[in-house]
Structures are given as structure tokens and as C-alpha cells.
Amino acid sequence: MIDVFDIMGPIMVGPSSSHTAGAVRIGRMARTLLGEEPVKAALHLHGSFAETGVGHGTDKALVAGLLGMATDDLDIPNSFEIAGQKGLSFAFDEVDLRDAHPNSVNVEVEGASGRRMKMQASSTGGGRIMVDKLDGVEVSFSGDYHTLVIQNLDNQGNLADVTTALALARVNVANMSLHRSDKGGNVMMIIETDDPVPDYIVELLDKQPGILQVIHYKREG
């Protein structure tokens, strides 16, 4: 099924949906997954992001997203200056990522609390994105759904606790994947839902034994 987003593209500050709008969404995703205001960022550009990104405003768009701007924010071209005012330091370089989409970036961010997060993501066209790696773990989610990212110990019952809580809240799961470092190690659950997960469910899950962190990404629009 084709929706109006596919036909017209996102509402955005240009010039490019892939290099600008997609880059803003990648920055916003990194900010959300960090779980707090970023104060430091290193952005490693790959492929056409590295080759033509400056001309398309990709660098400013990524920083704008880290600041929490939306794709239609008129301050996107001024993101470097605003970052300085808000205490966000950042640096860019180029990197060659094996088997990565041409419009890809590795984002390393740090928050005021000292929490750090690494994310590899790509802009796939029309303002859409795909998160390909999270803290070194290969994942695959787009931000087109409301998304729970849950990191937990590899304990029996954690998955059942999560799915039971979502069922009781009548939240419909669209897609779910598990990524385990090794048996008995850490697990990352990626759960995409049709509706946002109620805050009380997120808080409940975060308090469950064996669950290390719960982050809720709410779909834009």
C-alpha cells in the first residue's frame, strides 16, 4: 500500500530528503536511544554522506536531530551555532563501512550523566531511515513504528514478562526481534508496536529483575 508520505515525501527543510530529512531523523533517533540530552557527539560519515553531505547539509541536519529538531524546523541550517549555545560539542570524520548503505553514519554520543551509546544508521530515501547497529549489535528497525528497545540479562522469563505486560495493556506488537551476545550474556529486544506503549508499562518493565534498560521511541507524526 502506498501512502502520501511515499508520494510526496516528508515535510522538511531541504534540499534533500535522503541527505537532510533522513539525517535529521537519524540524529533524533540517536538522541532518543541515548535516553538523555547529548553533550558530546562523534559522527563518522560513510559513502555519499561523506562525499556530498556538506553540500546537502547532512552535517547540520545530523546535529539538528541530536538537538531534538524535527525535519521541518527552520533552525536546521543554524544547528551548529545552536549546539554551541546548548553545550553540545561534535566532530565529523569519514569512515568506510563494509556492506553499509551509501547514506550511512556511525554516531557516538555521550550524555551529561556519562552514559554513552553507539549507533549505525542509514537514510534509505524519502526521509526514511534504518538503524543497523546499536552498541555493536546488529539490529534492524526503522522508526516507522513506536519502538521499545530493551536491554536485559539472558534470564528465563524476561521475554514472557515483556509480552504479558504489553498484552495486558492491549498494545499490538507489529514486529519483534531478539539479539543475544551469547548464552547467559546480554539480550537486546527490539519490539515495534502499532500504538505507543503507556508510560506506566515502560516504568513497570524497567523495574523487572534482569532488565537493564528500557527506551521507548515514539514514532513521529
N, C-alpha and C. Protein backbone atom coordinates (compact mmCIF):
# COMPACT_ATOMS: atom_id res chain seq x y z
N MET A 1 0.84 -1.19 0.00
CA MET A 1 0.00 0.00 0.00
C MET A 1 0.88 1.25 0.00
N ILE A 2 0.61 2.21 -0.86
CA ILE A 2 1.37 3.45 -0.97
C ILE A 2 0.63 4.54 -0.20
N ASP A 3 1.36 5.22 0.71
CA ASP A 3 0.74 6.32 1.44
C ASP A 3 1.25 7.65 0.92
N VAL A 4 0.68 8.73 1.44
CA VAL A 4 1.03 10.06 0.95
C VAL A 4 2.50 10.38 1.22
N PHE A 5 3.08 9.79 2.28
CA PHE A 5 4.49 10.00 2.59
C PHE A 5 5.37 9.48 1.46
N ASP A 6 4.99 8.32 0.89
CA ASP A 6 5.75 7.74 -0.22
C ASP A 6 5.68 8.62 -1.46
N ILE A 7 4.53 9.26 -1.69
CA ILE A 7 4.33 10.03 -2.91
C ILE A 7 4.97 11.41 -2.80
N MET A 8 4.72 12.09 -1.69
CA MET A 8 5.14 13.48 -1.55
C MET A 8 6.44 13.66 -0.77
N GLY A 9 6.82 12.65 0.03
CA GLY A 9 7.99 12.79 0.87
C GLY A 9 7.64 13.53 2.15
N PRO A 10 8.61 13.68 3.04
CA PRO A 10 8.35 14.30 4.33
C PRO A 10 8.25 15.82 4.24
N ILE A 11 7.53 16.41 5.22
CA ILE A 11 7.57 17.86 5.38
C ILE A 11 8.92 18.20 5.96
N MET A 12 9.72 19.03 5.28
CA MET A 12 11.12 19.15 5.66
C MET A 12 11.71 20.46 5.21
N VAL A 13 12.85 20.79 5.83
CA VAL A 13 13.73 21.83 5.32
C VAL A 13 14.76 21.13 4.44
N GLY A 14 14.88 21.53 3.19
CA GLY A 14 15.69 20.83 2.19
C GLY A 14 17.19 21.00 2.38
N PRO A 15 17.95 20.59 1.34
CA PRO A 15 17.47 20.35 -0.02
C PRO A 15 17.11 18.90 -0.36
N SER A 16 17.48 17.92 0.47
CA SER A 16 17.34 16.53 0.07
C SER A 16 16.67 15.71 1.16
N SER A 17 15.69 14.88 0.76
CA SER A 17 15.02 14.04 1.75
C SER A 17 15.97 13.00 2.31
N SER A 18 16.85 12.47 1.47
CA SER A 18 17.78 11.44 1.94
C SER A 18 18.90 12.04 2.77
N HIS A 19 19.50 13.14 2.28
CA HIS A 19 20.66 13.70 2.93
C HIS A 19 20.33 14.70 4.04
N THR A 20 19.09 15.21 4.03
CA THR A 20 18.73 16.22 5.03
C THR A 20 17.67 15.68 5.99
N ALA A 21 16.47 15.39 5.49
CA ALA A 21 15.40 14.91 6.36
C ALA A 21 15.79 13.59 7.04
N GLY A 22 16.35 12.67 6.26
CA GLY A 22 16.78 11.40 6.84
C GLY A 22 17.85 11.59 7.88
N ALA A 23 18.75 12.52 7.63
CA ALA A 23 19.83 12.79 8.59
C ALA A 23 19.28 13.37 9.89
N VAL A 24 18.28 14.25 9.79
CA VAL A 24 17.65 14.79 11.00
C VAL A 24 17.04 13.65 11.81
N ARG A 25 16.34 12.75 11.13
CA ARG A 25 15.70 11.63 11.84
C ARG A 25 16.74 10.72 12.49
N ILE A 26 17.87 10.52 11.84
CA ILE A 26 18.93 9.71 12.43
C ILE A 26 19.43 10.37 13.72
N GLY A 27 19.66 11.69 13.67
CA GLY A 27 20.10 12.40 14.86
C GLY A 27 19.09 12.31 15.98
N ARG A 28 17.82 12.48 15.65
CA ARG A 28 16.76 12.38 16.67
C ARG A 28 16.70 10.98 17.26
N MET A 29 16.89 9.98 16.42
CA MET A 29 16.87 8.60 16.91
C MET A 29 18.02 8.38 17.89
N ALA A 30 19.21 8.87 17.55
CA ALA A 30 20.36 8.72 18.44
C ALA A 30 20.09 9.41 19.78
N ARG A 31 19.51 10.58 19.73
CA ARG A 31 19.16 11.31 20.96
C ARG A 31 18.20 10.49 21.83
N THR A 32 17.18 9.92 21.18
CA THR A 32 16.19 9.13 21.92
C THR A 32 16.82 7.89 22.53
N LEU A 33 17.62 7.18 21.75
CA LEU A 33 18.21 5.95 22.24
C LEU A 33 19.25 6.20 23.33
N LEU A 34 19.87 7.37 23.31
CA LEU A 34 20.78 7.72 24.40
C LEU A 34 19.99 7.87 25.70
N GLY A 35 18.77 8.37 25.58
CA GLY A 35 17.90 8.49 26.75
C GLY A 35 18.10 9.75 27.55
N GLU A 36 18.88 10.68 27.04
CA GLU A 36 19.11 11.94 27.73
C GLU A 36 19.69 12.95 26.76
N GLU A 37 19.84 14.20 27.22
CA GLU A 37 20.39 15.25 26.38
C GLU A 37 21.85 14.94 26.04
N PRO A 38 22.21 14.87 24.77
CA PRO A 38 23.62 14.63 24.43
C PRO A 38 24.48 15.87 24.65
N VAL A 39 25.68 15.67 25.13
CA VAL A 39 26.61 16.80 25.32
C VAL A 39 27.85 16.64 24.44
N LYS A 40 28.05 15.46 23.87
CA LYS A 40 29.21 15.22 23.03
C LYS A 40 28.84 14.21 21.95
N ALA A 41 29.29 14.44 20.73
CA ALA A 41 28.97 13.52 19.63
C ALA A 41 30.13 13.43 18.65
N ALA A 42 30.38 12.23 18.18
CA ALA A 42 31.32 11.98 17.08
C ALA A 42 30.53 11.32 15.97
N LEU A 43 30.57 11.90 14.78
CA LEU A 43 29.77 11.42 13.66
C LEU A 43 30.69 11.01 12.53
N HIS A 44 30.65 9.73 12.16
CA HIS A 44 31.55 9.16 11.17
C HIS A 44 30.74 8.89 9.89
N LEU A 45 30.97 9.69 8.87
CA LEU A 45 30.17 9.64 7.65
C LEU A 45 30.73 8.64 6.65
N HIS A 46 29.81 7.90 6.01
CA HIS A 46 30.18 6.86 5.04
C HIS A 46 29.54 7.15 3.69
N GLY A 47 30.21 6.75 2.63
CA GLY A 47 29.64 6.79 1.28
C GLY A 47 29.28 8.18 0.83
N SER A 48 28.07 8.32 0.28
CA SER A 48 27.65 9.63 -0.25
C SER A 48 27.42 10.63 0.87
N PHE A 49 27.14 10.16 2.09
CA PHE A 49 27.08 11.09 3.21
C PHE A 49 28.41 11.81 3.38
N ALA A 50 29.50 11.06 3.19
CA ALA A 50 30.84 11.65 3.31
C ALA A 50 31.18 12.49 2.08
N GLU A 51 30.79 12.01 0.89
CA GLU A 51 31.20 12.65 -0.35
C GLU A 51 30.44 13.93 -0.65
N THR A 52 29.14 13.94 -0.39
CA THR A 52 28.32 15.10 -0.77
C THR A 52 27.52 15.66 0.40
N GLY A 53 27.78 15.14 1.60
CA GLY A 53 26.96 15.51 2.75
C GLY A 53 27.00 16.99 3.10
N VAL A 54 28.17 17.59 3.03
CA VAL A 54 28.27 19.01 3.39
C VAL A 54 27.44 19.86 2.44
N GLY A 55 27.51 19.57 1.16
CA GLY A 55 26.74 20.33 0.18
C GLY A 55 25.25 20.19 0.36
N HIS A 56 24.81 19.04 0.86
CA HIS A 56 23.38 18.80 1.08
C HIS A 56 22.95 19.17 2.50
N GLY A 57 23.88 19.62 3.31
CA GLY A 57 23.51 19.99 4.68
C GLY A 57 23.35 18.81 5.62
N THR A 58 23.93 17.66 5.25
CA THR A 58 23.80 16.47 6.09
C THR A 58 24.40 16.69 7.47
N ASP A 59 25.56 17.36 7.51
CA ASP A 59 26.22 17.58 8.79
C ASP A 59 25.35 18.42 9.72
N LYS A 60 24.79 19.50 9.20
CA LYS A 60 23.92 20.36 10.02
C LYS A 60 22.63 19.63 10.40
N ALA A 61 22.13 18.78 9.50
CA ALA A 61 20.90 18.04 9.78
C ALA A 61 21.11 17.02 10.90
N LEU A 62 22.24 16.33 10.89
CA LEU A 62 22.53 15.36 11.94
C LEU A 62 22.60 16.04 13.31
N VAL A 63 23.28 17.17 13.36
CA VAL A 63 23.39 17.91 14.62
C VAL A 63 22.03 18.44 15.04
N ALA A 64 21.23 18.90 14.07
CA ALA A 64 19.88 19.37 14.38
C ALA A 64 19.06 18.26 15.04
N GLY A 65 19.17 17.05 14.50
CA GLY A 65 18.45 15.93 15.08
C GLY A 65 18.92 15.63 16.49
N LEU A 66 20.22 15.70 16.72
CA LEU A 66 20.75 15.48 18.07
C LEU A 66 20.22 16.52 19.05
N LEU A 67 19.91 17.72 18.54
CA LEU A 67 19.35 18.78 19.38
C LEU A 67 17.85 18.61 19.59
N GLY A 68 17.24 17.64 18.89
CA GLY A 68 15.82 17.39 19.04
C GLY A 68 14.94 18.08 18.04
N MET A 69 15.52 18.68 16.99
CA MET A 69 14.72 19.36 15.98
C MET A 69 13.99 18.35 15.10
N ALA A 70 12.84 18.78 14.58
CA ALA A 70 12.08 17.99 13.62
C ALA A 70 12.55 18.31 12.20
N THR A 71 12.09 17.53 11.23
CA THR A 71 12.55 17.68 9.85
C THR A 71 12.12 19.00 9.22
N ASP A 72 11.11 19.65 9.78
CA ASP A 72 10.63 20.92 9.21
C ASP A 72 11.04 22.12 10.04
N ASP A 73 11.99 21.95 10.94
CA ASP A 73 12.43 23.05 11.80
C ASP A 73 13.27 24.03 10.99
N LEU A 74 12.89 25.29 10.99
CA LEU A 74 13.60 26.30 10.20
C LEU A 74 14.98 26.63 10.77
N ASP A 75 15.28 26.14 11.96
CA ASP A 75 16.59 26.38 12.55
C ASP A 75 17.63 25.33 12.18
N ILE A 76 17.27 24.36 11.35
CA ILE A 76 18.23 23.32 10.95
C ILE A 76 19.52 23.92 10.38
N PRO A 77 19.46 24.92 9.49
CA PRO A 77 20.71 25.49 8.96
C PRO A 77 21.57 26.15 10.03
N ASN A 78 20.99 26.47 11.18
CA ASN A 78 21.72 27.14 12.25
C ASN A 78 22.11 26.18 13.38
N SER A 79 22.06 24.88 13.10
CA SER A 79 22.23 23.90 14.18
C SER A 79 23.60 23.97 14.84
N PHE A 80 24.65 24.28 14.07
CA PHE A 80 25.98 24.35 14.66
C PHE A 80 26.04 25.43 15.74
N GLU A 81 25.49 26.60 15.41
CA GLU A 81 25.51 27.70 16.37
C GLU A 81 24.65 27.36 17.60
N ILE A 82 23.50 26.76 17.38
CA ILE A 82 22.60 26.41 18.49
C ILE A 82 23.24 25.34 19.37
N ALA A 83 23.95 24.40 18.75
CA ALA A 83 24.65 23.38 19.52
C ALA A 83 25.66 24.02 20.46
N GLY A 84 26.37 25.04 19.98
CA GLY A 84 27.33 25.74 20.82
C GLY A 84 26.66 26.41 22.00
N GLN A 85 25.48 26.98 21.75
CA GLN A 85 24.75 27.65 22.82
C GLN A 85 24.24 26.66 23.87
N LYS A 86 23.92 25.44 23.42
CA LYS A 86 23.35 24.45 24.33
C LYS A 86 24.40 23.50 24.92
N GLY A 87 25.66 23.72 24.58
CA GLY A 87 26.71 22.91 25.18
C GLY A 87 26.93 21.55 24.55
N LEU A 88 26.51 21.38 23.29
CA LEU A 88 26.75 20.13 22.57
C LEU A 88 27.99 20.29 21.70
N SER A 89 29.04 19.55 22.00
CA SER A 89 30.24 19.55 21.16
C SER A 89 30.17 18.38 20.20
N PHE A 90 30.70 18.54 19.00
CA PHE A 90 30.59 17.50 17.99
C PHE A 90 31.78 17.56 17.05
N ALA A 91 32.05 16.43 16.40
CA ALA A 91 33.13 16.34 15.43
C ALA A 91 32.72 15.37 14.33
N PHE A 92 33.18 15.63 13.10
CA PHE A 92 32.89 14.78 11.96
C PHE A 92 34.18 14.21 11.39
N ASP A 93 34.09 13.00 10.85
CA ASP A 93 35.15 12.47 10.02
C ASP A 93 34.53 11.48 9.04
N GLU A 94 35.36 10.87 8.22
CA GLU A 94 34.86 9.91 7.22
C GLU A 94 35.31 8.51 7.59
N VAL A 95 34.48 7.51 7.25
CA VAL A 95 34.77 6.13 7.57
C VAL A 95 34.26 5.25 6.44
N ASP A 96 34.91 4.13 6.23
CA ASP A 96 34.49 3.16 5.22
C ASP A 96 33.84 1.99 5.94
N LEU A 97 32.52 1.88 5.81
CA LEU A 97 31.77 0.83 6.50
C LEU A 97 31.49 -0.31 5.53
N ARG A 98 31.91 -1.48 5.87
CA ARG A 98 31.74 -2.64 5.00
C ARG A 98 30.26 -3.01 4.86
N ASP A 99 29.82 -3.19 3.63
CA ASP A 99 28.46 -3.63 3.30
C ASP A 99 27.39 -2.69 3.84
N ALA A 100 27.71 -1.41 4.00
CA ALA A 100 26.74 -0.45 4.51
C ALA A 100 26.05 0.29 3.37
N HIS A 101 24.85 0.77 3.61
CA HIS A 101 24.13 1.62 2.67
C HIS A 101 24.98 2.87 2.38
N PRO A 102 24.93 3.40 1.16
CA PRO A 102 25.75 4.58 0.85
C PRO A 102 25.49 5.79 1.73
N ASN A 103 24.24 5.94 2.20
CA ASN A 103 23.91 7.07 3.07
C ASN A 103 23.93 6.61 4.53
N SER A 104 25.11 6.33 5.04
CA SER A 104 25.22 5.78 6.39
C SER A 104 26.11 6.64 7.27
N VAL A 105 25.90 6.50 8.56
CA VAL A 105 26.70 7.23 9.54
C VAL A 105 26.80 6.41 10.82
N ASN A 106 27.98 6.43 11.41
CA ASN A 106 28.17 5.91 12.76
C ASN A 106 28.09 7.09 13.72
N VAL A 107 27.23 6.99 14.69
CA VAL A 107 27.04 8.06 15.66
C VAL A 107 27.47 7.56 17.04
N GLU A 108 28.39 8.29 17.66
CA GLU A 108 28.77 8.01 19.03
C GLU A 108 28.38 9.22 19.87
N VAL A 109 27.51 9.00 20.85
CA VAL A 109 27.03 10.12 21.65
C VAL A 109 27.24 9.85 23.13
N GLU A 110 27.38 10.94 23.87
CA GLU A 110 27.56 10.87 25.32
C GLU A 110 26.65 11.91 25.96
N GLY A 111 26.00 11.51 27.05
CA GLY A 111 25.12 12.42 27.76
C GLY A 111 25.80 13.04 28.97
N ALA A 112 25.09 13.96 29.61
CA ALA A 112 25.65 14.67 30.76
C ALA A 112 25.96 13.72 31.91
N SER A 113 25.22 12.61 32.02
CA SER A 113 25.44 11.65 33.10
C SER A 113 26.66 10.76 32.86
N GLY A 114 27.23 10.83 31.64
CA GLY A 114 28.33 9.97 31.27
C GLY A 114 27.90 8.76 30.47
N ARG A 115 26.57 8.57 30.32
CA ARG A 115 26.08 7.44 29.51
C ARG A 115 26.50 7.62 28.07
N ARG A 116 26.93 6.52 27.43
CA ARG A 116 27.36 6.54 26.05
C ARG A 116 26.56 5.55 25.21
N MET A 117 26.44 5.83 23.93
CA MET A 117 25.71 4.97 23.02
C MET A 117 26.33 5.08 21.64
N LYS A 118 26.43 3.93 20.94
CA LYS A 118 26.91 3.90 19.56
C LYS A 118 25.80 3.37 18.66
N MET A 119 25.59 4.02 17.54
CA MET A 119 24.54 3.62 16.62
C MET A 119 25.01 3.78 15.19
N GLN A 120 24.77 2.77 14.37
CA GLN A 120 24.98 2.90 12.93
C GLN A 120 23.62 2.92 12.26
N ALA A 121 23.38 3.93 11.44
CA ALA A 121 22.08 4.06 10.78
C ALA A 121 22.27 4.55 9.36
N SER A 122 21.24 4.35 8.55
CA SER A 122 21.29 4.77 7.15
C SER A 122 20.00 5.49 6.79
N SER A 123 20.12 6.41 5.82
CA SER A 123 18.97 7.11 5.27
C SER A 123 18.62 6.43 3.96
N THR A 124 17.45 5.79 3.92
CA THR A 124 17.13 4.89 2.81
C THR A 124 16.31 5.53 1.70
N GLY A 125 15.98 6.82 1.85
CA GLY A 125 15.24 7.52 0.80
C GLY A 125 13.90 8.03 1.30
N GLY A 126 13.51 9.20 0.80
CA GLY A 126 12.21 9.76 1.16
C GLY A 126 12.10 10.15 2.62
N GLY A 127 13.24 10.38 3.28
CA GLY A 127 13.22 10.73 4.69
C GLY A 127 13.17 9.54 5.63
N ARG A 128 13.16 8.34 5.08
CA ARG A 128 13.10 7.14 5.90
C ARG A 128 14.51 6.73 6.33
N ILE A 129 14.59 6.05 7.47
CA ILE A 129 15.88 5.62 7.99
C ILE A 129 15.82 4.16 8.42
N MET A 130 17.00 3.59 8.66
CA MET A 130 17.10 2.24 9.20
C MET A 130 18.25 2.23 10.20
N VAL A 131 17.99 1.76 11.40
CA VAL A 131 19.05 1.57 12.39
C VAL A 131 19.63 0.18 12.16
N ASP A 132 20.94 0.11 11.89
CA ASP A 132 21.58 -1.13 11.51
C ASP A 132 22.40 -1.77 12.63
N LYS A 133 22.94 -0.95 13.52
CA LYS A 133 23.70 -1.46 14.66
C LYS A 133 23.44 -0.58 15.86
N LEU A 134 23.40 -1.19 17.03
CA LEU A 134 23.22 -0.47 18.27
C LEU A 134 24.16 -1.04 19.30
N ASP A 135 25.10 -0.20 19.75
CA ASP A 135 26.14 -0.63 20.70
C ASP A 135 26.83 -1.91 20.22
N GLY A 136 27.13 -1.94 18.91
CA GLY A 136 27.85 -3.05 18.33
C GLY A 136 27.03 -4.26 17.96
N VAL A 137 25.73 -4.25 18.28
CA VAL A 137 24.84 -5.37 17.99
C VAL A 137 24.08 -5.08 16.70
N GLU A 138 24.07 -6.02 15.77
CA GLU A 138 23.34 -5.84 14.52
C GLU A 138 21.85 -5.91 14.79
N VAL A 139 21.14 -4.86 14.39
CA VAL A 139 19.69 -4.78 14.58
C VAL A 139 19.08 -4.30 13.27
N SER A 140 17.78 -4.14 13.25
CA SER A 140 17.11 -3.64 12.05
C SER A 140 15.74 -3.09 12.44
N PHE A 141 15.68 -1.77 12.60
CA PHE A 141 14.38 -1.13 12.83
C PHE A 141 14.41 0.28 12.27
N SER A 142 13.23 0.77 11.90
CA SER A 142 13.16 1.95 11.04
C SER A 142 12.66 3.21 11.73
N GLY A 143 12.04 3.09 12.90
CA GLY A 143 11.40 4.25 13.48
C GLY A 143 10.06 4.56 12.86
N ASP A 144 9.59 3.71 11.94
CA ASP A 144 8.26 3.89 11.37
C ASP A 144 7.17 3.40 12.31
N TYR A 145 7.57 2.65 13.33
CA TYR A 145 6.66 2.20 14.38
C TYR A 145 7.13 2.78 15.71
N HIS A 146 6.23 2.81 16.68
CA HIS A 146 6.65 3.04 18.05
C HIS A 146 7.52 1.85 18.44
N THR A 147 8.64 2.10 19.11
CA THR A 147 9.63 1.04 19.30
C THR A 147 10.14 1.00 20.73
N LEU A 148 10.11 -0.20 21.32
CA LEU A 148 10.76 -0.45 22.60
C LEU A 148 12.12 -1.07 22.34
N VAL A 149 13.15 -0.53 22.93
CA VAL A 149 14.48 -1.14 22.91
C VAL A 149 14.79 -1.53 24.35
N ILE A 150 14.85 -2.83 24.60
CA ILE A 150 15.03 -3.34 25.95
C ILE A 150 16.32 -4.13 26.02
N GLN A 151 17.19 -3.75 26.93
CA GLN A 151 18.43 -4.49 27.17
C GLN A 151 18.28 -5.23 28.50
N ASN A 152 18.53 -6.53 28.48
CA ASN A 152 18.33 -7.33 29.67
C ASN A 152 19.33 -8.47 29.74
N LEU A 153 19.43 -9.06 30.91
CA LEU A 153 20.25 -10.25 31.09
C LEU A 153 19.54 -11.43 30.43
N ASP A 154 20.31 -12.44 30.06
CA ASP A 154 19.74 -13.62 29.39
C ASP A 154 19.13 -14.55 30.43
N ASN A 155 18.04 -14.07 31.05
CA ASN A 155 17.35 -14.84 32.08
C ASN A 155 16.08 -15.44 31.54
N GLN A 156 15.70 -16.59 32.05
CA GLN A 156 14.42 -17.18 31.68
C GLN A 156 13.29 -16.30 32.19
N GLY A 157 12.29 -16.10 31.36
CA GLY A 157 11.10 -15.39 31.79
C GLY A 157 11.04 -13.93 31.42
N ASN A 158 12.17 -13.31 31.05
CA ASN A 158 12.14 -11.88 30.72
C ASN A 158 11.26 -11.59 29.52
N LEU A 159 11.39 -12.40 28.46
CA LEU A 159 10.57 -12.18 27.28
C LEU A 159 9.09 -12.34 27.60
N ALA A 160 8.76 -13.36 28.40
CA ALA A 160 7.35 -13.58 28.78
C ALA A 160 6.83 -12.40 29.60
N ASP A 161 7.66 -11.85 30.50
CA ASP A 161 7.24 -10.70 31.30
C ASP A 161 6.90 -9.52 30.40
N VAL A 162 7.72 -9.29 29.38
CA VAL A 162 7.51 -8.16 28.48
C VAL A 162 6.25 -8.35 27.65
N THR A 163 6.11 -9.49 27.02
CA THR A 163 4.95 -9.72 26.15
C THR A 163 3.64 -9.75 26.96
N THR A 164 3.68 -10.28 28.18
CA THR A 164 2.49 -10.29 29.03
C THR A 164 2.07 -8.88 29.39
N ALA A 165 3.03 -8.03 29.75
CA ALA A 165 2.73 -6.65 30.09
C ALA A 165 2.11 -5.91 28.91
N LEU A 166 2.65 -6.13 27.71
CA LEU A 166 2.10 -5.48 26.52
C LEU A 166 0.69 -5.97 26.21
N ALA A 167 0.47 -7.27 26.40
CA ALA A 167 -0.85 -7.84 26.16
C ALA A 167 -1.88 -7.27 27.13
N LEU A 168 -1.51 -7.14 28.40
CA LEU A 168 -2.43 -6.59 29.40
C LEU A 168 -2.78 -5.14 29.09
N ALA A 169 -1.83 -4.41 28.50
CA ALA A 169 -2.08 -3.02 28.12
C ALA A 169 -2.73 -2.91 26.75
N ARG A 170 -3.02 -4.06 26.13
CA ARG A 170 -3.65 -4.13 24.82
C ARG A 170 -2.84 -3.36 23.76
N VAL A 171 -1.52 -3.54 23.83
CA VAL A 171 -0.61 -2.96 22.83
C VAL A 171 -0.29 -4.04 21.81
N ASN A 172 -0.57 -3.75 20.54
CA ASN A 172 -0.35 -4.74 19.49
C ASN A 172 1.08 -4.68 18.98
N VAL A 173 1.77 -5.83 18.99
CA VAL A 173 3.15 -5.92 18.52
C VAL A 173 3.15 -6.12 17.00
N ALA A 174 3.83 -5.23 16.30
CA ALA A 174 3.94 -5.35 14.84
C ALA A 174 5.11 -6.22 14.44
N ASN A 175 6.28 -5.99 15.07
CA ASN A 175 7.49 -6.77 14.78
C ASN A 175 8.29 -6.91 16.07
N MET A 176 8.99 -8.04 16.20
CA MET A 176 9.83 -8.23 17.36
C MET A 176 11.06 -9.04 16.97
N SER A 177 12.22 -8.67 17.51
CA SER A 177 13.44 -9.43 17.26
C SER A 177 14.28 -9.43 18.52
N LEU A 178 15.06 -10.50 18.70
CA LEU A 178 15.95 -10.65 19.85
C LEU A 178 17.37 -10.79 19.34
N HIS A 179 18.29 -10.14 20.01
CA HIS A 179 19.70 -10.16 19.62
C HIS A 179 20.50 -10.48 20.87
N ARG A 180 21.10 -11.68 20.92
CA ARG A 180 21.80 -12.14 22.11
C ARG A 180 23.30 -12.18 21.86
N SER A 181 24.08 -11.58 22.79
CA SER A 181 25.53 -11.58 22.64
C SER A 181 26.08 -12.99 22.75
N ASP A 182 25.64 -13.76 23.74
CA ASP A 182 26.00 -15.16 23.91
C ASP A 182 25.11 -15.73 25.00
N LYS A 183 25.09 -17.04 25.15
CA LYS A 183 24.25 -17.68 26.15
C LYS A 183 24.67 -17.22 27.54
N GLY A 184 23.70 -16.74 28.29
CA GLY A 184 23.99 -16.23 29.61
C GLY A 184 24.50 -14.80 29.63
N GLY A 185 24.61 -14.18 28.46
CA GLY A 185 25.10 -12.80 28.38
C GLY A 185 23.95 -11.81 28.39
N ASN A 186 24.07 -10.77 27.56
CA ASN A 186 23.03 -9.75 27.48
C ASN A 186 22.18 -9.95 26.24
N VAL A 187 20.94 -9.52 26.32
CA VAL A 187 19.99 -9.63 25.23
C VAL A 187 19.45 -8.25 24.91
N MET A 188 19.25 -7.97 23.64
CA MET A 188 18.58 -6.74 23.22
C MET A 188 17.29 -7.12 22.52
N MET A 189 16.17 -6.68 23.06
CA MET A 189 14.87 -6.89 22.44
C MET A 189 14.49 -5.62 21.67
N ILE A 190 14.08 -5.79 20.43
CA ILE A 190 13.54 -4.69 19.63
C ILE A 190 12.08 -5.02 19.36
N ILE A 191 11.17 -4.23 19.92
CA ILE A 191 9.74 -4.50 19.79
C ILE A 191 9.06 -3.29 19.17
N GLU A 192 8.55 -3.46 17.95
CA GLU A 192 7.83 -2.39 17.25
C GLU A 192 6.34 -2.60 17.45
N THR A 193 5.65 -1.52 17.83
CA THR A 193 4.23 -1.61 18.15
C THR A 193 3.42 -0.62 17.33
N ASP A 194 2.14 -0.97 17.13
CA ASP A 194 1.26 -0.10 16.35
C ASP A 194 0.91 1.18 17.11
N ASP A 195 0.80 1.07 18.42
CA ASP A 195 0.44 2.20 19.26
C ASP A 195 1.56 2.45 20.27
N PRO A 196 1.66 3.68 20.78
CA PRO A 196 2.68 3.94 21.80
C PRO A 196 2.41 3.12 23.05
N VAL A 197 3.48 2.70 23.70
CA VAL A 197 3.37 1.94 24.94
C VAL A 197 3.10 2.92 26.08
N PRO A 198 2.08 2.68 26.90
CA PRO A 198 1.81 3.59 28.01
C PRO A 198 3.02 3.75 28.92
N ASP A 199 3.18 4.95 29.47
CA ASP A 199 4.34 5.24 30.30
C ASP A 199 4.42 4.30 31.51
N TYR A 200 3.27 3.94 32.08
CA TYR A 200 3.31 3.09 33.26
C TYR A 200 3.83 1.69 32.93
N ILE A 201 3.61 1.23 31.69
CA ILE A 201 4.14 -0.07 31.28
C ILE A 201 5.65 0.01 31.10
N VAL A 202 6.11 1.12 30.51
CA VAL A 202 7.56 1.32 30.36
C VAL A 202 8.23 1.33 31.73
N GLU A 203 7.64 2.05 32.69
CA GLU A 203 8.20 2.11 34.04
C GLU A 203 8.16 0.74 34.72
N LEU A 204 7.07 -0.02 34.50
CA LEU A 204 6.94 -1.36 35.08
C LEU A 204 8.02 -2.29 34.55
N LEU A 205 8.22 -2.27 33.23
CA LEU A 205 9.22 -3.13 32.62
C LEU A 205 10.63 -2.77 33.11
N ASP A 206 10.87 -1.47 33.27
CA ASP A 206 12.20 -1.01 33.68
C ASP A 206 12.56 -1.50 35.08
N LYS A 207 11.54 -1.86 35.88
CA LYS A 207 11.78 -2.31 37.26
C LYS A 207 11.86 -3.82 37.40
N GLN A 208 11.64 -4.54 36.28
CA GLN A 208 11.65 -6.00 36.35
C GLN A 208 13.06 -6.53 36.57
N PRO A 209 13.22 -7.59 37.39
CA PRO A 209 14.54 -8.19 37.62
C PRO A 209 15.17 -8.64 36.30
N GLY A 210 16.43 -8.33 36.12
CA GLY A 210 17.14 -8.76 34.92
C GLY A 210 17.08 -7.79 33.77
N ILE A 211 16.17 -6.81 33.82
CA ILE A 211 16.08 -5.83 32.75
C ILE A 211 16.98 -4.65 33.09
N LEU A 212 17.91 -4.34 32.19
CA LEU A 212 18.93 -3.32 32.45
C LEU A 212 18.48 -1.93 32.02
N GLN A 213 17.75 -1.85 30.93
CA GLN A 213 17.32 -0.55 30.43
C GLN A 213 16.16 -0.70 29.46
N VAL A 214 15.23 0.23 29.53
CA VAL A 214 14.10 0.27 28.60
C VAL A 214 14.04 1.68 27.99
N ILE A 215 14.08 1.73 26.66
CA ILE A 215 13.95 3.01 25.95
C ILE A 215 12.75 2.92 25.03
N HIS A 216 11.91 3.93 25.06
CA HIS A 216 10.70 3.96 24.23
C HIS A 216 10.84 5.05 23.18
N TYR A 217 10.91 4.66 21.92
CA TYR A 217 10.93 5.61 20.82
C TYR A 217 9.52 5.76 20.29
N LYS A 218 8.99 6.99 20.34
CA LYS A 218 7.65 7.25 19.85
C LYS A 218 7.73 7.77 18.42
N ARG A 219 7.04 7.08 17.55
CA ARG A 219 7.04 7.44 16.13
C ARG A 219 6.61 8.89 15.92
N GLU A 220 7.29 9.57 15.01
CA GLU A 220 6.94 10.95 14.69
C GLU A 220 5.69 10.99 13.83
N GLY A 221 4.89 12.04 14.04
CA GLY A 221 3.71 12.22 13.20
C GLY A 221 2.51 11.45 13.67
